[in-house]
Amino acid sequence: MNPGIRRRGARLSLLVAGTVSAAALAAVPSAHATDVLPSPPVASVGPVLPGAPGAPGAPAPPAAKAPAFGAYLHYGPRGVERMSELSEWLGGAELRVGHTYLPGDRWSNIEGAPRFLEAWADWRKEKADRLFVLNVPMLERNEEGVSDREVARLLRQGAAGRFDHHFRVLAERLVGLGVPDTVLVPGWEMNGTTYTHRCGPDPESWKKYWNRIVTTMRSVAGQEFRFDFTPSRGRDAVPWTQCYPGDDVVDIIGMDSYDQPRGMSFDEQVTEPFGLQDHVDFAAAHKKPISYPEWGLFRNGDNEEYMRRMLRWMDEKKPLYNTVTDYCPHGVWQCKENPGASAVYRDLLSGRDGTPAVPTVPTAPAEPGDPVRPPECSPLDLGDWVDYWLGGKLCVRLDWWQGERRG
């Protein structure tokens, strides 16, 4: 979507019951009803070797960060202001992603007017671990219903270098504003029909044009840009794989995924051709991280199941970042039409501070097949390398000394 007409937790945690002084802790996986997980390894409690992670005097590994998340709240400075308000609504959750779109009406706006970008650049620079995500139209008149014939002609011109200077100006402005590591999403949803920068009329020219944009922007001194190739979920007008421009000019493989079409279940969104699973598999095959620059509710209304399942999906697949589209009909905070899904979003994300969390005891009846977390379970800080090897955190039951209670 663009700023004009914009249509549009459960983490694996290993729970251990036993005594702190026992020789081993029995790990119990927490999984979703639809998941089948292998038995986890048994973690032994033994002496810490000198120099090993966690040993006295050894340097502590950096704290692992959970996937960054945020929301599209408004394309201009008001969007920056609303970040803190959304964080407050989420119980102080850390919103690490700021997301906006350059207007695609004319080239002067695609070049990134400084006054438009200044507020976003200031927000990004306040904390080192923040991400600034900027959707960039590849052609002007981006929502004016330009014909396929004209689109094909413009794509050929772009592939020949006619528009390079516009993207050089944008790159220089971003570097000059102190945000050389901006995540750029050029030509988003190129597999559809909405935008002039669509791929369908001439996929080969589209790919060559993408290459010129990336090459031009990377040529600017001081840049550290990452380029996110982001189609919409599903086949749409053309299979998005036909538009992929190559691993050397793509850093992230994203997907815009809304709850549509009407009547499509989340499982179908996963398994449909060019859907969520194909996206993950394609990115893995190309050794690229994934992202979800746009996602949210749509054709199926206030769909709590979609919200729960999409958040769960992202917790499992660990995208580099995700930003929910937060306005009606898609949103959760600024849209009062979705109270049920909004409550799910708020419940599952409230208080997240950017570090992996141990799931709490479920407050609702578990789904069939879901294991129950042992009560009074306290997480152990065994270090990032142990957490990584085990696939999650360990915790110890606080009532271990009571033994097994028999009726």
Protein backbone atom coordinates (compact mmCIF):
# COMPACT_ATOMS: atom_id res chain seq x y z
CA MET A 1 0.00 0.00 0.00
CA ASN A 2 1.09 3.58 -0.18
CA PRO A 3 0.27 6.73 1.80
CA GLY A 4 -2.45 7.73 -0.62
CA ILE A 5 -5.00 4.96 -1.13
CA ARG A 6 -3.96 2.19 1.24
CA ARG A 7 -6.06 -0.94 1.08
CA ARG A 8 -5.15 -2.76 2.76
CA GLY A 9 3.05 -16.04 20.88
CA ALA A 10 3.92 -18.69 21.08
CA ARG A 11 7.67 -19.10 20.89
CA LEU A 12 9.28 -22.47 21.27
CA SER A 13 10.32 -22.63 24.90
CA LEU A 14 11.75 -25.64 26.64
CA LEU A 15 10.29 -26.11 30.11
CA VAL A 16 12.22 -28.17 32.58
CA ALA A 17 10.94 -29.77 35.77
CA GLY A 18 13.42 -31.05 38.32
CA THR A 19 15.85 -29.99 40.98
CA VAL A 20 18.61 -27.46 40.54
CA SER A 21 21.16 -29.93 41.88
CA ALA A 22 20.00 -32.83 39.71
CA ALA A 23 22.36 -34.22 37.14
CA ALA A 24 19.94 -33.53 34.31
CA LEU A 25 16.83 -31.48 33.59
CA ALA A 26 14.01 -33.10 31.68
CA ALA A 27 12.97 -30.69 28.93
CA VAL A 28 9.34 -30.47 27.84
CA PRO A 29 8.60 -28.69 24.54
CA SER A 30 5.78 -26.21 24.25
CA ALA A 31 4.24 -26.53 20.78
CA HIS A 32 1.19 -25.51 18.85
CA ALA A 33 -1.58 -27.97 18.13
CA THR A 34 -0.65 -28.01 14.47
CA ASP A 35 3.10 -28.49 15.05
CA VAL A 36 5.05 -31.69 15.50
CA LEU A 37 8.38 -31.06 17.19
CA PRO A 38 11.24 -33.49 17.76
CA SER A 39 12.16 -34.44 21.28
CA PRO A 40 14.57 -31.86 22.67
CA PRO A 41 17.99 -32.77 24.03
CA VAL A 42 18.50 -33.25 27.74
CA ALA A 43 20.47 -30.42 29.33
CA SER A 44 22.94 -31.49 31.99
CA VAL A 45 23.86 -29.35 34.95
CA GLY A 46 27.59 -29.68 35.54
CA PRO A 47 30.73 -27.66 36.16
CA VAL A 48 31.34 -24.62 33.98
CA LEU A 49 34.64 -24.82 32.15
CA PRO A 50 36.96 -21.82 32.47
CA GLY A 51 36.64 -19.49 29.53
CA ALA A 52 33.35 -21.00 28.41
CA PRO A 53 30.34 -18.71 27.91
CA GLY A 54 28.88 -18.07 31.35
CA ALA A 55 32.09 -18.94 33.21
CA PRO A 56 33.49 -16.46 35.74
CA GLY A 57 35.57 -13.89 33.93
CA ALA A 58 34.31 -14.92 30.51
CA PRO A 59 32.77 -12.17 28.38
CA ALA A 60 29.00 -12.38 28.37
CA PRO A 61 27.46 -12.87 24.91
CA PRO A 62 25.26 -10.03 23.72
CA ALA A 63 21.60 -10.34 24.65
CA ALA A 64 19.60 -11.90 21.82
CA LYS A 65 16.98 -9.65 20.28
CA ALA A 66 13.52 -10.83 19.37
CA PRO A 67 12.39 -10.04 15.82
CA ALA A 68 11.75 -6.32 15.50
CA PHE A 69 8.17 -5.17 15.10
CA GLY A 70 6.29 -1.95 14.62
CA ALA A 71 3.35 -0.56 12.69
CA TYR A 72 2.53 1.72 9.82
CA LEU A 73 0.67 4.53 11.61
CA HIS A 74 0.84 7.51 9.24
CA TYR A 75 3.16 8.33 6.36
CA GLY A 76 4.29 11.72 7.70
CA PRO A 77 5.66 13.10 10.98
CA ARG A 78 2.39 12.19 12.72
CA GLY A 79 3.37 8.57 12.22
CA VAL A 80 6.51 9.16 14.26
CA GLU A 81 4.53 10.80 17.06
CA ARG A 82 2.11 7.89 17.22
CA MET A 83 4.89 5.35 17.78
CA SER A 84 5.14 6.28 21.45
CA GLU A 85 1.36 6.24 21.82
CA LEU A 86 1.13 2.72 20.37
CA SER A 87 3.96 1.60 22.64
CA GLU A 88 2.06 2.92 25.66
CA TRP A 89 -1.09 1.08 24.52
CA LEU A 90 1.04 -2.08 24.36
CA GLY A 91 2.22 -1.75 27.94
CA GLY A 92 5.55 -0.20 27.07
CA ALA A 93 6.43 -2.67 24.32
CA GLU A 94 9.51 -1.62 22.37
CA LEU A 95 8.62 -0.67 18.80
CA ARG A 96 11.89 -1.04 16.97
CA VAL A 97 10.58 -0.50 13.44
CA GLY A 98 9.47 2.78 11.92
CA HIS A 99 7.77 2.33 8.54
CA THR A 100 6.65 4.86 5.97
CA TYR A 101 6.18 5.32 2.21
CA LEU A 102 7.44 7.91 -0.22
CA PRO A 103 4.55 9.42 -2.19
CA GLY A 104 4.53 8.11 -5.75
CA ASP A 105 2.79 10.99 -7.47
CA ARG A 106 5.89 12.71 -8.89
CA TRP A 107 9.63 12.22 -9.04
CA SER A 108 10.38 15.08 -6.66
CA ASN A 109 8.60 13.16 -3.89
CA ILE A 110 10.16 9.83 -4.83
CA GLU A 111 13.53 11.55 -4.35
CA GLY A 112 12.58 12.00 -0.69
CA ALA A 113 11.86 15.60 0.21
CA PRO A 114 14.08 16.39 3.24
CA ARG A 115 11.24 17.74 5.37
CA PHE A 116 9.38 14.49 4.82
CA LEU A 117 12.30 12.32 5.95
CA GLU A 118 13.76 14.40 8.77
CA ALA A 119 11.36 13.27 11.51
CA TRP A 120 11.86 9.61 10.60
CA ALA A 121 15.64 10.02 10.53
CA ASP A 122 15.60 11.64 13.98
CA TRP A 123 13.51 8.75 15.36
CA ARG A 124 15.85 6.15 13.86
CA LYS A 125 18.95 7.75 15.35
CA GLU A 126 17.60 7.83 18.91
CA LYS A 127 18.46 4.13 19.42
CA ALA A 128 21.09 2.01 17.73
CA ASP A 129 18.92 -1.09 17.26
CA ARG A 130 16.02 0.62 15.49
CA LEU A 131 15.09 -0.06 11.87
CA PHE A 132 13.78 2.52 9.46
CA VAL A 133 11.81 0.90 6.62
CA LEU A 134 11.03 3.04 3.58
CA ASN A 135 8.82 1.92 0.68
CA VAL A 136 10.03 3.50 -2.55
CA PRO A 137 7.90 3.76 -5.71
CA MET A 138 9.84 2.85 -8.83
CA LEU A 139 7.80 5.09 -11.12
CA GLU A 140 5.83 8.32 -10.76
CA ARG A 141 2.04 8.42 -11.26
CA ASN A 142 2.15 5.22 -9.24
CA GLU A 143 -1.60 4.96 -8.59
CA GLU A 144 -3.05 6.63 -11.63
CA GLY A 145 -4.20 3.55 -13.55
CA VAL A 146 -1.44 3.69 -16.15
CA SER A 147 -1.98 1.17 -18.97
CA ASP A 148 0.08 -2.00 -19.31
CA ARG A 149 1.51 -0.71 -22.59
CA GLU A 150 2.72 2.49 -20.95
CA VAL A 151 4.05 0.59 -17.93
CA ALA A 152 6.09 -1.66 -20.21
CA ARG A 153 7.52 1.39 -21.98
CA LEU A 154 8.47 3.05 -18.68
CA LEU A 155 10.07 -0.14 -17.36
CA ARG A 156 12.24 -0.35 -20.46
CA GLN A 157 13.30 3.25 -19.94
CA GLY A 158 14.15 2.49 -16.32
CA ALA A 159 16.16 -0.56 -17.34
CA ALA A 160 18.12 1.67 -19.72
CA GLY A 161 19.04 4.08 -16.91
CA ARG A 162 16.74 7.00 -17.63
CA PHE A 163 15.63 7.37 -13.99
CA ASP A 164 18.91 6.56 -12.20
CA HIS A 165 19.48 10.15 -11.07
CA HIS A 166 16.27 10.19 -8.99
CA PHE A 167 17.44 7.26 -6.90
CA ARG A 168 20.92 8.73 -6.52
CA VAL A 169 19.34 11.85 -5.03
CA LEU A 170 17.31 9.72 -2.61
CA ALA A 171 20.39 7.75 -1.53
CA GLU A 172 22.39 10.93 -0.96
CA ARG A 173 19.58 12.43 1.12
CA LEU A 174 19.28 9.37 3.34
CA VAL A 175 23.03 9.26 3.92
CA GLY A 176 23.06 13.00 4.58
CA LEU A 177 20.29 12.64 7.17
CA GLY A 178 22.33 10.03 9.03
CA VAL A 179 20.24 6.99 8.10
CA PRO A 180 22.52 5.15 5.66
CA ASP A 181 21.26 1.76 6.93
CA THR A 182 17.64 2.33 5.86
CA VAL A 183 15.76 -0.78 4.74
CA LEU A 184 14.38 0.09 1.28
CA VAL A 185 11.34 -1.63 -0.25
CA PRO A 186 11.28 -0.58 -3.91
CA GLY A 187 8.36 -1.56 -6.13
CA TRP A 188 6.39 -3.38 -3.42
CA GLU A 189 3.54 -5.70 -4.48
CA MET A 190 4.97 -5.77 -7.99
CA ASN A 191 3.08 -9.00 -8.75
CA GLY A 192 -0.29 -7.19 -8.57
CA THR A 193 -2.12 -4.66 -10.73
CA THR A 194 -2.49 -1.66 -8.39
CA TYR A 195 0.73 0.22 -9.05
CA THR A 196 2.48 1.64 -12.06
CA HIS A 197 5.66 -0.03 -10.80
CA ARG A 198 4.12 -3.47 -11.37
CA CYS A 199 6.14 -6.26 -12.94
CA GLY A 200 3.55 -8.05 -15.09
CA PRO A 201 3.72 -5.97 -18.31
CA ASP A 202 7.46 -6.71 -18.74
CA PRO A 203 9.12 -8.88 -16.04
CA GLU A 204 12.55 -8.86 -17.68
CA SER A 205 12.68 -5.08 -17.89
CA TRP A 206 11.36 -4.82 -14.33
CA LYS A 207 14.23 -6.96 -13.04
CA LYS A 208 16.82 -4.99 -14.99
CA TYR A 209 15.34 -1.76 -13.67
CA TRP A 210 15.48 -3.04 -10.06
CA ASN A 211 19.16 -3.87 -10.65
CA ARG A 212 19.85 -0.34 -11.86
CA ILE A 213 18.11 1.18 -8.82
CA VAL A 214 20.10 -0.96 -6.37
CA THR A 215 23.39 -0.44 -8.20
CA THR A 216 22.83 3.33 -8.33
CA MET A 217 21.96 3.65 -4.64
CA ARG A 218 24.81 1.39 -3.54
CA SER A 219 27.26 3.59 -5.45
CA VAL A 220 26.70 6.49 -3.03
CA ALA A 221 29.53 6.85 -0.50
CA GLY A 222 28.63 5.92 3.07
CA GLN A 223 25.51 3.91 2.26
CA GLU A 224 24.65 0.69 4.12
CA PHE A 225 21.21 0.13 2.58
CA ARG A 226 19.37 -3.17 2.59
CA PHE A 227 16.93 -3.88 -0.23
CA ASP A 228 13.72 -5.77 0.51
CA PHE A 229 11.97 -7.55 -2.39
CA THR A 230 8.31 -7.65 -1.26
CA PRO A 231 5.47 -9.12 -3.33
CA SER A 232 1.93 -9.60 -2.12
CA ARG A 233 0.94 -13.08 -0.92
CA GLY A 234 -0.34 -15.48 -3.55
CA ARG A 235 -0.07 -15.50 -7.29
CA ASP A 236 -1.96 -12.25 -7.96
CA ALA A 237 -1.51 -11.04 -11.57
CA VAL A 238 1.81 -12.82 -12.09
CA PRO A 239 3.82 -15.31 -9.99
CA TRP A 240 6.13 -13.16 -7.90
CA THR A 241 9.03 -15.56 -8.45
CA GLN A 242 9.09 -14.39 -12.08
CA CYS A 243 9.97 -10.90 -10.83
CA TYR A 244 12.85 -11.88 -8.52
CA PRO A 245 15.83 -9.81 -9.69
CA GLY A 246 18.67 -11.91 -8.23
CA ASP A 247 20.46 -12.64 -4.98
CA ASP A 248 23.19 -10.05 -5.55
CA VAL A 249 20.68 -7.17 -5.51
CA VAL A 250 18.29 -8.45 -2.82
CA ASP A 251 19.07 -8.50 0.90
CA ILE A 252 15.64 -9.42 2.34
CA ILE A 253 12.69 -11.28 0.86
CA GLY A 254 9.47 -9.84 2.23
CA MET A 255 5.78 -10.47 1.78
CA ASP A 256 2.69 -8.29 2.22
CA SER A 257 0.06 -10.61 3.65
CA TYR A 258 -3.48 -9.52 4.53
CA ASP A 259 -6.39 -11.66 5.68
CA GLN A 260 -7.92 -12.14 2.25
CA PRO A 261 -9.69 -13.22 0.09
CA ARG A 262 -13.01 -13.64 1.83
CA GLY A 263 -13.45 -17.11 3.27
CA MET A 264 -9.80 -18.16 2.99
CA SER A 265 -8.56 -19.80 6.18
CA PHE A 266 -5.11 -19.13 7.59
CA ASP A 267 -4.05 -22.68 6.72
CA GLU A 268 -4.94 -21.95 3.10
CA GLN A 269 -2.93 -18.73 3.23
CA VAL A 270 0.03 -20.85 4.29
CA THR A 271 -0.35 -23.57 1.65
CA GLU A 272 -1.66 -21.69 -1.40
CA PRO A 273 0.71 -21.37 -4.37
CA PHE A 274 3.12 -18.49 -3.74
CA GLY A 275 1.70 -18.20 -0.21
CA LEU A 276 3.29 -17.96 3.22
CA GLN A 277 5.09 -21.32 3.12
CA ASP A 278 6.38 -20.83 -0.40
CA HIS A 279 7.72 -17.43 0.69
CA VAL A 280 9.64 -18.94 3.61
CA ASP A 281 10.96 -21.78 1.47
CA PHE A 282 12.02 -19.45 -1.36
CA ALA A 283 13.90 -17.20 1.04
CA ALA A 284 15.63 -20.17 2.66
CA ALA A 285 16.68 -21.50 -0.74
CA HIS A 286 18.22 -18.10 -1.53
CA LYS A 287 19.73 -17.75 1.97
CA LYS A 288 17.87 -14.51 2.69
CA PRO A 289 16.04 -13.32 5.82
CA ILE A 290 12.30 -12.72 5.51
CA SER A 291 10.10 -9.79 6.48
CA TYR A 292 6.43 -8.77 6.59
CA PRO A 293 6.35 -5.04 5.77
CA GLU A 294 2.53 -5.08 5.50
CA TRP A 295 0.07 -7.39 7.16
CA GLY A 296 -3.28 -7.11 8.89
CA LEU A 297 -6.99 -7.80 8.76
CA PHE A 298 -9.07 -7.32 5.62
CA ARG A 299 -11.78 -9.26 3.84
CA ASN A 300 -12.66 -11.53 6.76
CA GLY A 301 -13.37 -8.74 9.24
CA ASP A 302 -12.55 -8.88 12.94
CA ASN A 303 -10.80 -12.25 12.67
CA GLU A 304 -9.25 -13.23 15.97
CA GLU A 305 -7.97 -16.54 14.62
CA TYR A 306 -6.07 -14.82 11.81
CA MET A 307 -4.49 -12.41 14.28
CA ARG A 308 -3.47 -15.19 16.65
CA ARG A 309 -2.17 -17.44 13.89
CA MET A 310 -0.27 -14.70 12.05
CA LEU A 311 1.50 -13.60 15.22
CA ARG A 312 2.30 -17.22 16.00
CA TRP A 313 3.62 -17.73 12.46
CA MET A 314 5.95 -14.77 12.80
CA ASP A 315 7.17 -15.91 16.21
CA GLU A 316 8.07 -19.26 14.65
CA LYS A 317 9.57 -18.03 11.38
CA LYS A 318 11.45 -15.11 12.95
CA PRO A 319 11.37 -12.46 10.23
CA LEU A 320 13.90 -9.66 10.40
CA TYR A 321 10.95 -7.34 11.07
CA ASN A 322 7.20 -6.97 10.70
CA THR A 323 4.92 -3.94 10.65
CA VAL A 324 1.17 -4.26 10.92
CA THR A 325 -0.86 -1.85 8.79
CA ASP A 326 -2.69 0.04 11.51
CA TYR A 327 -5.70 1.82 10.06
CA CYS A 328 -9.16 0.59 9.05
CA PRO A 329 -9.97 -1.99 7.88
CA HIS A 330 -6.60 -3.61 8.63
CA GLY A 331 -5.60 -2.20 11.99
CA VAL A 332 -5.68 -3.01 15.68
CA TRP A 333 -5.08 0.25 17.54
CA GLN A 334 -6.35 3.04 15.30
CA CYS A 335 -9.30 0.98 14.00
CA LYS A 336 -12.21 0.43 16.40
CA GLU A 337 -13.92 -1.94 13.98
CA ASN A 338 -11.76 -4.90 15.07
CA PRO A 339 -12.12 -5.17 18.85
CA GLY A 340 -11.59 -8.94 19.05
CA ALA A 341 -8.45 -9.11 16.91
CA SER A 342 -7.21 -5.92 18.58
CA ALA A 343 -7.47 -7.57 21.99
CA VAL A 344 -5.49 -10.57 20.72
CA TYR A 345 -2.74 -8.35 19.30
CA ARG A 346 -2.52 -6.33 22.48
CA ASP A 347 -2.50 -9.38 24.73
CA LEU A 348 0.24 -11.20 22.80
CA LEU A 349 2.55 -8.22 22.26
CA SER A 350 2.07 -6.15 25.41
CA GLY A 351 5.28 -5.50 27.26
CA ARG A 352 7.65 -7.00 24.72
CA ASP A 353 10.98 -5.30 25.21
CA GLY A 354 12.91 -6.74 22.32
CA THR A 355 14.31 -9.78 24.14
CA PRO A 356 12.93 -13.31 23.89
CA ALA A 357 10.37 -14.03 26.59
CA VAL A 358 9.30 -17.27 28.25
CA PRO A 359 5.60 -17.86 27.53
CA THR A 360 3.26 -17.40 30.45
CA VAL A 361 0.76 -19.97 31.67
CA PRO A 362 -2.18 -19.96 29.24
CA THR A 363 -5.22 -18.10 30.55
CA ALA A 364 -7.56 -19.69 28.04
CA PRO A 365 -8.26 -23.40 27.55
CA ALA A 366 -5.45 -24.99 25.60
CA GLU A 367 -6.08 -26.21 22.11
CA PRO A 368 -6.25 -29.99 21.69
CA GLY A 369 -2.77 -31.44 21.78
CA ASP A 370 -1.14 -28.39 23.38
CA PRO A 371 1.12 -29.30 26.32
CA VAL A 372 0.56 -27.46 29.60
CA ARG A 373 3.39 -25.47 31.07
CA PRO A 374 4.43 -26.70 34.52
CA PRO A 375 3.28 -24.30 37.24
CA GLU A 376 5.65 -22.00 39.11
CA CYS A 377 8.33 -22.36 36.45
CA SER A 378 11.27 -19.96 36.66
CA PRO A 379 13.47 -19.34 33.58
CA LEU A 380 17.20 -20.07 33.83
CA ASP A 381 19.78 -17.75 32.30
CA LEU A 382 22.21 -20.27 30.80
CA GLY A 383 23.57 -17.96 28.13
CA ASP A 384 22.72 -17.38 24.52
CA TRP A 385 24.78 -20.31 23.20
CA VAL A 386 22.85 -22.81 25.35
CA ASP A 387 19.51 -21.21 24.46
CA TYR A 388 20.43 -21.41 20.79
CA TRP A 389 21.46 -25.08 21.00
CA LEU A 390 18.33 -26.03 22.87
CA GLY A 391 16.02 -23.90 20.74
CA GLY A 392 14.70 -21.86 23.66
CA LYS A 393 15.01 -21.15 27.36
CA LEU A 394 15.00 -23.62 30.23
CA CYS A 395 13.09 -23.14 33.43
CA VAL A 396 12.96 -24.93 36.76
CA ARG A 397 9.87 -25.69 38.79
CA LEU A 398 9.92 -23.90 42.11
CA ASP A 399 7.96 -26.68 43.87
CA TRP A 400 10.48 -29.45 43.09
CA TRP A 401 11.22 -30.10 46.78
CA GLN A 402 7.66 -31.16 47.44
CA GLY A 403 8.09 -34.32 45.44
CA GLU A 404 5.29 -35.92 43.49
CA ARG A 405 1.96 -35.47 45.20
CA ARG A 406 -0.07 -38.61 45.33
CA GLY A 407 -3.74 -38.73 46.06
